[in-house]
Amino acid sequence: MTSIRVSYGEIEAAASQLAAGREEITQKINSLQAQIQSLVGSGFVTEHASGKFQEAFTKYAANASGLIAHLGEIQQFLVGAAQAMRELDAQIASRIG
């Protein structure tokens, strides 16, 4: 027989940690992007390489933005799953006795 064990608190804590992680990653990427822009503006200026370097980092930042979006989707899934399980539990309880 299969059993179900749900800890709403653990699910919600994981969702909160994902939100915090998303924010931390976003801030770090933005900070790094500003540093790279500053670097290629004054400390690493070449005819070709610095521009290519900046393009490569811009692609990296765009890929990281995709990861950040997926973390948001996972967070929303966890929040929704916890809510749905709470509602189902309440519905079952209301039908007993």
N, C-alpha and C. Protein backbone atom coordinates (compact mmCIF):
# COMPACT_ATOMS: atom_id res chain seq x y z
N MET A 1 0.84 -1.17 0.00
CA MET A 1 0.00 0.00 0.00
C MET A 1 0.89 1.24 0.00
N THR A 2 0.54 2.17 -0.82
CA THR A 2 1.28 3.42 -0.91
C THR A 2 0.76 4.40 0.13
N SER A 3 1.67 5.14 0.73
CA SER A 3 1.25 6.13 1.72
C SER A 3 1.71 7.51 1.26
N ILE A 4 1.09 8.50 1.86
CA ILE A 4 1.44 9.88 1.54
C ILE A 4 1.85 10.57 2.83
N ARG A 5 2.95 11.24 2.77
CA ARG A 5 3.40 12.05 3.90
C ARG A 5 3.77 13.40 3.34
N VAL A 6 3.15 14.43 3.84
CA VAL A 6 3.37 15.78 3.32
C VAL A 6 3.71 16.71 4.48
N SER A 7 4.78 17.45 4.31
CA SER A 7 5.12 18.50 5.26
C SER A 7 5.00 19.83 4.53
N TYR A 8 3.89 20.52 4.78
CA TYR A 8 3.67 21.80 4.12
C TYR A 8 4.82 22.77 4.42
N GLY A 9 5.27 22.73 5.65
CA GLY A 9 6.37 23.61 6.05
C GLY A 9 7.64 23.36 5.26
N GLU A 10 7.96 22.08 5.06
CA GLU A 10 9.17 21.76 4.29
C GLU A 10 9.03 22.18 2.83
N ILE A 11 7.85 21.96 2.27
CA ILE A 11 7.62 22.36 0.88
C ILE A 11 7.72 23.87 0.75
N GLU A 12 7.07 24.58 1.66
CA GLU A 12 7.10 26.05 1.61
C GLU A 12 8.50 26.60 1.89
N ALA A 13 9.25 25.92 2.78
CA ALA A 13 10.62 26.36 3.05
C ALA A 13 11.49 26.18 1.80
N ALA A 14 11.30 25.07 1.10
CA ALA A 14 12.06 24.85 -0.14
C ALA A 14 11.71 25.92 -1.17
N ALA A 15 10.42 26.26 -1.27
CA ALA A 15 10.00 27.31 -2.21
C ALA A 15 10.63 28.65 -1.83
N SER A 16 10.68 28.95 -0.55
CA SER A 16 11.30 30.20 -0.10
C SER A 16 12.79 30.22 -0.39
N GLN A 17 13.44 29.07 -0.21
CA GLN A 17 14.87 28.99 -0.50
C GLN A 17 15.14 29.18 -1.99
N LEU A 18 14.26 28.64 -2.82
CA LEU A 18 14.40 28.85 -4.26
C LEU A 18 14.25 30.32 -4.61
N ALA A 19 13.29 30.99 -3.98
CA ALA A 19 13.09 32.42 -4.23
C ALA A 19 14.33 33.21 -3.82
N ALA A 20 14.88 32.88 -2.66
CA ALA A 20 16.08 33.57 -2.19
C ALA A 20 17.26 33.28 -3.12
N GLY A 21 17.37 32.04 -3.56
CA GLY A 21 18.43 31.67 -4.49
C GLY A 21 18.31 32.40 -5.81
N ARG A 22 17.08 32.52 -6.31
CA ARG A 22 16.85 33.26 -7.55
C ARG A 22 17.32 34.70 -7.40
N GLU A 23 16.96 35.31 -6.30
CA GLU A 23 17.34 36.71 -6.06
C GLU A 23 18.87 36.84 -5.95
N GLU A 24 19.48 35.92 -5.24
CA GLU A 24 20.93 35.95 -5.07
C GLU A 24 21.65 35.79 -6.42
N ILE A 25 21.19 34.84 -7.23
CA ILE A 25 21.79 34.62 -8.55
C ILE A 25 21.59 35.84 -9.44
N THR A 26 20.39 36.41 -9.41
CA THR A 26 20.10 37.60 -10.22
C THR A 26 21.03 38.75 -9.85
N GLN A 27 21.17 38.99 -8.55
CA GLN A 27 22.04 40.07 -8.10
C GLN A 27 23.49 39.82 -8.50
N LYS A 28 23.94 38.58 -8.36
CA LYS A 28 25.33 38.26 -8.70
C LYS A 28 25.58 38.43 -10.19
N ILE A 29 24.67 37.94 -11.02
CA ILE A 29 24.82 38.08 -12.47
C ILE A 29 24.86 39.56 -12.85
N ASN A 30 23.96 40.35 -12.29
CA ASN A 30 23.93 41.79 -12.58
C ASN A 30 25.24 42.47 -12.17
N SER A 31 25.75 42.10 -11.00
CA SER A 31 27.00 42.65 -10.52
C SER A 31 28.16 42.27 -11.43
N LEU A 32 28.21 41.00 -11.81
CA LEU A 32 29.28 40.55 -12.71
C LEU A 32 29.18 41.21 -14.07
N GLN A 33 27.97 41.38 -14.55
CA GLN A 33 27.77 42.02 -15.85
C GLN A 33 28.29 43.47 -15.81
N ALA A 34 28.02 44.16 -14.72
CA ALA A 34 28.52 45.54 -14.58
C ALA A 34 30.05 45.55 -14.53
N GLN A 35 30.63 44.58 -13.85
CA GLN A 35 32.09 44.50 -13.78
C GLN A 35 32.70 44.24 -15.15
N ILE A 36 32.08 43.35 -15.91
CA ILE A 36 32.57 43.03 -17.25
C ILE A 36 32.46 44.26 -18.15
N GLN A 37 31.35 44.96 -18.08
CA GLN A 37 31.18 46.17 -18.89
C GLN A 37 32.25 47.21 -18.54
N SER A 38 32.52 47.35 -17.27
CA SER A 38 33.56 48.28 -16.84
C SER A 38 34.93 47.82 -17.33
N LEU A 39 35.19 46.54 -17.23
CA LEU A 39 36.47 46.00 -17.67
C LEU A 39 36.71 46.23 -19.15
N VAL A 40 35.73 45.90 -19.98
CA VAL A 40 35.92 46.07 -21.42
C VAL A 40 35.83 47.54 -21.84
N GLY A 41 35.42 48.38 -20.92
CA GLY A 41 35.39 49.82 -21.20
C GLY A 41 36.70 50.52 -20.89
N SER A 42 37.51 49.91 -19.99
CA SER A 42 38.74 50.61 -19.63
C SER A 42 39.95 49.70 -19.39
N GLY A 43 39.76 48.55 -18.77
CA GLY A 43 40.90 47.71 -18.39
C GLY A 43 41.26 46.62 -19.38
N PHE A 44 40.35 46.29 -20.26
CA PHE A 44 40.60 45.23 -21.25
C PHE A 44 39.98 45.68 -22.56
N VAL A 45 40.69 46.55 -23.25
CA VAL A 45 40.19 47.13 -24.50
C VAL A 45 41.15 46.71 -25.62
N THR A 46 40.62 45.90 -26.52
CA THR A 46 41.41 45.46 -27.68
C THR A 46 40.56 45.66 -28.93
N GLU A 47 41.18 45.45 -30.05
CA GLU A 47 40.45 45.62 -31.30
C GLU A 47 39.37 44.56 -31.47
N HIS A 48 39.67 43.32 -31.08
CA HIS A 48 38.71 42.23 -31.31
C HIS A 48 38.35 41.44 -30.04
N ALA A 49 39.36 41.09 -29.27
CA ALA A 49 39.16 40.15 -28.16
C ALA A 49 38.21 40.67 -27.08
N SER A 50 38.33 41.92 -26.72
CA SER A 50 37.48 42.44 -25.64
C SER A 50 36.00 42.41 -26.03
N GLY A 51 35.71 42.73 -27.28
CA GLY A 51 34.32 42.67 -27.75
C GLY A 51 33.79 41.26 -27.74
N LYS A 52 34.62 40.31 -28.19
CA LYS A 52 34.21 38.89 -28.18
C LYS A 52 34.00 38.41 -26.75
N PHE A 53 34.88 38.85 -25.86
CA PHE A 53 34.76 38.48 -24.46
C PHE A 53 33.44 38.99 -23.89
N GLN A 54 33.11 40.24 -24.18
CA GLN A 54 31.84 40.80 -23.69
C GLN A 54 30.65 40.05 -24.29
N GLU A 55 30.71 39.71 -25.57
CA GLU A 55 29.64 38.93 -26.20
C GLU A 55 29.46 37.58 -25.52
N ALA A 56 30.58 36.92 -25.22
CA ALA A 56 30.52 35.61 -24.56
C ALA A 56 29.87 35.74 -23.19
N PHE A 57 30.24 36.77 -22.44
CA PHE A 57 29.65 36.93 -21.13
C PHE A 57 28.17 37.27 -21.23
N THR A 58 27.80 38.07 -22.21
CA THR A 58 26.39 38.41 -22.41
C THR A 58 25.57 37.15 -22.69
N LYS A 59 26.12 36.23 -23.49
CA LYS A 59 25.43 34.95 -23.74
C LYS A 59 25.31 34.15 -22.45
N TYR A 60 26.37 34.12 -21.66
CA TYR A 60 26.35 33.43 -20.38
C TYR A 60 25.25 34.01 -19.49
N ALA A 61 25.18 35.33 -19.42
CA ALA A 61 24.18 35.99 -18.58
C ALA A 61 22.77 35.66 -19.07
N ALA A 62 22.59 35.60 -20.39
CA ALA A 62 21.27 35.25 -20.94
C ALA A 62 20.90 33.82 -20.57
N ASN A 63 21.86 32.91 -20.65
CA ASN A 63 21.59 31.52 -20.25
C ASN A 63 21.27 31.43 -18.76
N ALA A 64 21.97 32.21 -17.96
CA ALA A 64 21.70 32.24 -16.53
C ALA A 64 20.29 32.76 -16.26
N SER A 65 19.84 33.71 -17.07
CA SER A 65 18.48 34.23 -16.91
C SER A 65 17.45 33.13 -17.16
N GLY A 66 17.74 32.24 -18.10
CA GLY A 66 16.87 31.09 -18.34
C GLY A 66 16.80 30.19 -17.12
N LEU A 67 17.94 29.95 -16.50
CA LEU A 67 17.99 29.15 -15.28
C LEU A 67 17.16 29.81 -14.18
N ILE A 68 17.31 31.11 -14.06
CA ILE A 68 16.57 31.86 -13.04
C ILE A 68 15.07 31.72 -13.27
N ALA A 69 14.64 31.79 -14.51
CA ALA A 69 13.22 31.63 -14.83
C ALA A 69 12.73 30.23 -14.46
N HIS A 70 13.55 29.22 -14.72
CA HIS A 70 13.15 27.85 -14.38
C HIS A 70 13.06 27.66 -12.87
N LEU A 71 13.94 28.29 -12.13
CA LEU A 71 13.85 28.23 -10.67
C LEU A 71 12.53 28.83 -10.19
N GLY A 72 12.11 29.90 -10.84
CA GLY A 72 10.82 30.51 -10.51
C GLY A 72 9.66 29.58 -10.78
N GLU A 73 9.74 28.85 -11.89
CA GLU A 73 8.69 27.88 -12.22
C GLU A 73 8.64 26.76 -11.18
N ILE A 74 9.80 26.29 -10.76
CA ILE A 74 9.84 25.23 -9.74
C ILE A 74 9.29 25.76 -8.42
N GLN A 75 9.65 26.98 -8.08
CA GLN A 75 9.13 27.59 -6.85
C GLN A 75 7.60 27.66 -6.89
N GLN A 76 7.05 28.14 -8.00
CA GLN A 76 5.60 28.25 -8.12
C GLN A 76 4.93 26.88 -8.07
N PHE A 77 5.56 25.87 -8.65
CA PHE A 77 5.02 24.51 -8.57
C PHE A 77 4.93 24.07 -7.12
N LEU A 78 5.99 24.28 -6.35
CA LEU A 78 5.99 23.87 -4.95
C LEU A 78 4.90 24.59 -4.15
N VAL A 79 4.78 25.89 -4.37
CA VAL A 79 3.74 26.66 -3.67
C VAL A 79 2.36 26.12 -4.03
N GLY A 80 2.13 25.90 -5.32
CA GLY A 80 0.84 25.38 -5.78
C GLY A 80 0.56 23.97 -5.27
N ALA A 81 1.60 23.14 -5.25
CA ALA A 81 1.42 21.76 -4.77
C ALA A 81 1.05 21.75 -3.29
N ALA A 82 1.72 22.56 -2.49
CA ALA A 82 1.38 22.62 -1.07
C ALA A 82 -0.05 23.09 -0.87
N GLN A 83 -0.46 24.11 -1.61
CA GLN A 83 -1.82 24.63 -1.50
C GLN A 83 -2.84 23.58 -1.93
N ALA A 84 -2.57 22.90 -3.03
CA ALA A 84 -3.50 21.88 -3.53
C ALA A 84 -3.64 20.74 -2.52
N MET A 85 -2.53 20.33 -1.92
CA MET A 85 -2.59 19.25 -0.93
C MET A 85 -3.34 19.68 0.32
N ARG A 86 -3.15 20.92 0.73
CA ARG A 86 -3.91 21.44 1.88
C ARG A 86 -5.41 21.41 1.59
N GLU A 87 -5.78 21.88 0.40
CA GLU A 87 -7.19 21.92 0.03
C GLU A 87 -7.78 20.52 -0.06
N LEU A 88 -7.04 19.59 -0.64
CA LEU A 88 -7.52 18.21 -0.73
C LEU A 88 -7.71 17.61 0.65
N ASP A 89 -6.75 17.84 1.53
CA ASP A 89 -6.85 17.33 2.90
C ASP A 89 -8.09 17.89 3.60
N ALA A 90 -8.34 19.19 3.41
CA ALA A 90 -9.52 19.82 4.03
C ALA A 90 -10.81 19.26 3.45
N GLN A 91 -10.83 19.01 2.13
CA GLN A 91 -12.02 18.43 1.50
C GLN A 91 -12.30 17.03 2.03
N ILE A 92 -11.26 16.23 2.14
CA ILE A 92 -11.44 14.87 2.66
C ILE A 92 -11.94 14.92 4.09
N ALA A 93 -11.33 15.80 4.90
CA ALA A 93 -11.74 15.91 6.30
C ALA A 93 -13.20 16.35 6.42
N SER A 94 -13.66 17.23 5.53
CA SER A 94 -15.03 17.72 5.62
C SER A 94 -16.05 16.65 5.25
N ARG A 95 -15.63 15.63 4.55
CA ARG A 95 -16.55 14.56 4.16
C ARG A 95 -16.61 13.41 5.16
N ILE A 96 -15.80 13.48 6.16
CA ILE A 96 -15.79 12.43 7.18
C ILE A 96 -16.74 12.83 8.30
N GLY A 97 -17.59 11.89 8.64
CA GLY A 97 -18.48 12.04 9.76
C GLY A 97 -19.44 13.11 9.63
